[in-house]
Amino acid sequence: MAFVILDPCGPEKAAECVSVCPVDCIEEGPDQFYIDPDVCIDCGACKAVCPVEAIEEEYDLTPDQEVFLDKAEEFFANR
């Protein structure tokens, strides 16, 4: 499982999550930050520091939030 950054990140892009990630799997994209689902170790450090509560665990996503996991997978597939 991995954590996923959702819509509230877009306008905020606060970046506290980047500095606390122990495996450096969070990168800034053009519209928000993204967590690499293949590298994330599911530690939860990012979720704990997110000031806009934009981070959820993959298995807790609602059907309408799953698009954010797809966006993250696409973002890292092109790297």
C-alpha atoms as a PDB file:
ATOM      1  CA  MET A   1       0.000   0.000   0.000  1.00  0.00           C
ATOM      2  CA  ALA A   2       1.001   3.602  -0.507  1.00  0.00           C
ATOM      3  CA  PHE A   3      -0.152   7.022   0.505  1.00  0.00           C
ATOM      4  CA  VAL A   4      -1.792   9.279  -2.080  1.00  0.00           C
ATOM      5  CA  ILE A   5      -1.884  13.063  -2.258  1.00  0.00           C
ATOM      6  CA  LEU A   6      -5.357  14.385  -3.037  1.00  0.00           C
ATOM      7  CA  ASP A   7      -6.898  17.570  -4.434  1.00  0.00           C
ATOM      8  CA  PRO A   8      -6.363  19.930  -1.459  1.00  0.00           C
ATOM      9  CA  CYS A   9      -2.633  19.850  -2.234  1.00  0.00           C
ATOM     10  CA  GLY A  10      -3.087  21.590  -5.585  1.00  0.00           C
ATOM     11  CA  PRO A  11      -3.760  25.126  -4.442  1.00  0.00           C
ATOM     12  CA  GLU A  12      -1.602  24.846  -1.309  1.00  0.00           C
ATOM     13  CA  LYS A  13       1.546  22.871  -2.293  1.00  0.00           C
ATOM     14  CA  ALA A  14       2.860  23.324   1.246  1.00  0.00           C
ATOM     15  CA  ALA A  15       5.697  20.747   0.862  1.00  0.00           C
ATOM     16  CA  GLU A  16       6.096  19.745   4.502  1.00  0.00           C
ATOM     17  CA  CYS A  17       5.616  16.157   3.336  1.00  0.00           C
ATOM     18  CA  VAL A  18       8.725  16.223   1.150  1.00  0.00           C
ATOM     19  CA  SER A  19      11.177  16.886   3.963  1.00  0.00           C
ATOM     20  CA  VAL A  20       9.818  14.173   6.275  1.00  0.00           C
ATOM     21  CA  CYS A  21       9.690  11.314   3.770  1.00  0.00           C
ATOM     22  CA  PRO A  22      12.403   8.796   4.757  1.00  0.00           C
ATOM     23  CA  VAL A  23      12.615   7.285   1.257  1.00  0.00           C
ATOM     24  CA  ASP A  24      12.381  10.517  -0.789  1.00  0.00           C
ATOM     25  CA  CYS A  25       9.375   9.314  -2.782  1.00  0.00           C
ATOM     26  CA  ILE A  26       7.513  12.647  -2.960  1.00  0.00           C
ATOM     27  CA  GLU A  27       8.091  14.962  -5.899  1.00  0.00           C
ATOM     28  CA  GLU A  28       6.559  18.193  -7.061  1.00  0.00           C
ATOM     29  CA  GLY A  29       4.525  18.001 -10.244  1.00  0.00           C
ATOM     30  CA  PRO A  30       3.026  20.824 -12.272  1.00  0.00           C
ATOM     31  CA  ASP A  31      -0.250  20.859 -10.333  1.00  0.00           C
ATOM     32  CA  GLN A  32       0.518  19.191  -6.967  1.00  0.00           C
ATOM     33  CA  PHE A  33       2.985  16.928  -5.169  1.00  0.00           C
ATOM     34  CA  TYR A  34       2.955  13.205  -5.927  1.00  0.00           C
ATOM     35  CA  ILE A  35       3.972  10.126  -3.941  1.00  0.00           C
ATOM     36  CA  ASP A  36       5.634   7.345  -5.916  1.00  0.00           C
ATOM     37  CA  PRO A  37       3.435   4.321  -5.107  1.00  0.00           C
ATOM     38  CA  ASP A  38       6.248   1.912  -5.968  1.00  0.00           C
ATOM     39  CA  VAL A  39       8.671   3.497  -3.488  1.00  0.00           C
ATOM     40  CA  CYS A  40       6.379   4.561  -0.623  1.00  0.00           C
ATOM     41  CA  ILE A  41       6.922   2.432   2.484  1.00  0.00           C
ATOM     42  CA  ASP A  42       3.571   3.404   4.040  1.00  0.00           C
ATOM     43  CA  CYS A  43       5.135   4.993   7.118  1.00  0.00           C
ATOM     44  CA  GLY A  44       2.599   7.814   7.405  1.00  0.00           C
ATOM     45  CA  ALA A  45       5.105  10.577   8.145  1.00  0.00           C
ATOM     46  CA  CYS A  46       3.761  12.644   5.253  1.00  0.00           C
ATOM     47  CA  LYS A  47       0.160  12.407   6.384  1.00  0.00           C
ATOM     48  CA  ALA A  48       1.075  13.487   9.910  1.00  0.00           C
ATOM     49  CA  VAL A  49       2.595  16.795   8.746  1.00  0.00           C
ATOM     50  CA  CYS A  50       0.253  17.757   5.898  1.00  0.00           C
ATOM     51  CA  PRO A  51      -1.327  21.098   6.893  1.00  0.00           C
ATOM     52  CA  VAL A  52      -4.272  20.698   4.492  1.00  0.00           C
ATOM     53  CA  GLU A  53      -5.003  17.017   5.197  1.00  0.00           C
ATOM     54  CA  ALA A  54      -4.485  16.111   1.552  1.00  0.00           C
ATOM     55  CA  ILE A  55      -2.885  12.697   2.110  1.00  0.00           C
ATOM     56  CA  GLU A  56      -4.748   9.404   2.487  1.00  0.00           C
ATOM     57  CA  GLU A  57      -3.800   5.757   2.445  1.00  0.00           C
ATOM     58  CA  GLU A  58      -4.463   4.038  -0.857  1.00  0.00           C
ATOM     59  CA  TYR A  59      -6.928   1.556   0.633  1.00  0.00           C
ATOM     60  CA  ASP A  60      -8.970   4.397   2.198  1.00  0.00           C
ATOM     61  CA  LEU A  61      -9.622   6.179  -1.097  1.00  0.00           C
ATOM     62  CA  THR A  62     -13.199   6.673  -2.190  1.00  0.00           C
ATOM     63  CA  PRO A  63     -14.006   5.822  -5.817  1.00  0.00           C
ATOM     64  CA  ASP A  64     -13.870   9.506  -6.810  1.00  0.00           C
ATOM     65  CA  GLN A  65     -10.423   9.884  -5.158  1.00  0.00           C
ATOM     66  CA  GLU A  66      -8.846   6.966  -7.046  1.00  0.00           C
ATOM     67  CA  VAL A  67      -8.063   9.340  -9.906  1.00  0.00           C
ATOM     68  CA  PHE A  68      -5.290  10.792  -7.715  1.00  0.00           C
ATOM     69  CA  LEU A  69      -3.591   7.402  -7.449  1.00  0.00           C
ATOM     70  CA  ASP A  70      -3.834   7.101 -11.234  1.00  0.00           C
ATOM     71  CA  LYS A  71      -2.296  10.572 -11.620  1.00  0.00           C
ATOM     72  CA  ALA A  72       0.615   9.626  -9.350  1.00  0.00           C
ATOM     73  CA  GLU A  73       1.235   6.388 -11.242  1.00  0.00           C
ATOM     74  CA  GLU A  74       1.225   8.284 -14.556  1.00  0.00           C
ATOM     75  CA  PHE A  75       3.524  10.986 -13.178  1.00  0.00           C
ATOM     76  CA  PHE A  76       6.170   8.457 -12.105  1.00  0.00           C
ATOM     77  CA  ALA A  77       5.748   6.215 -15.159  1.00  0.00           C
ATOM     78  CA  ASN A  78       7.071   9.043 -17.314  1.00  0.00           C
ATOM     79  CA  ARG A  79      10.276   9.448 -15.307  1.00  0.00           C
END
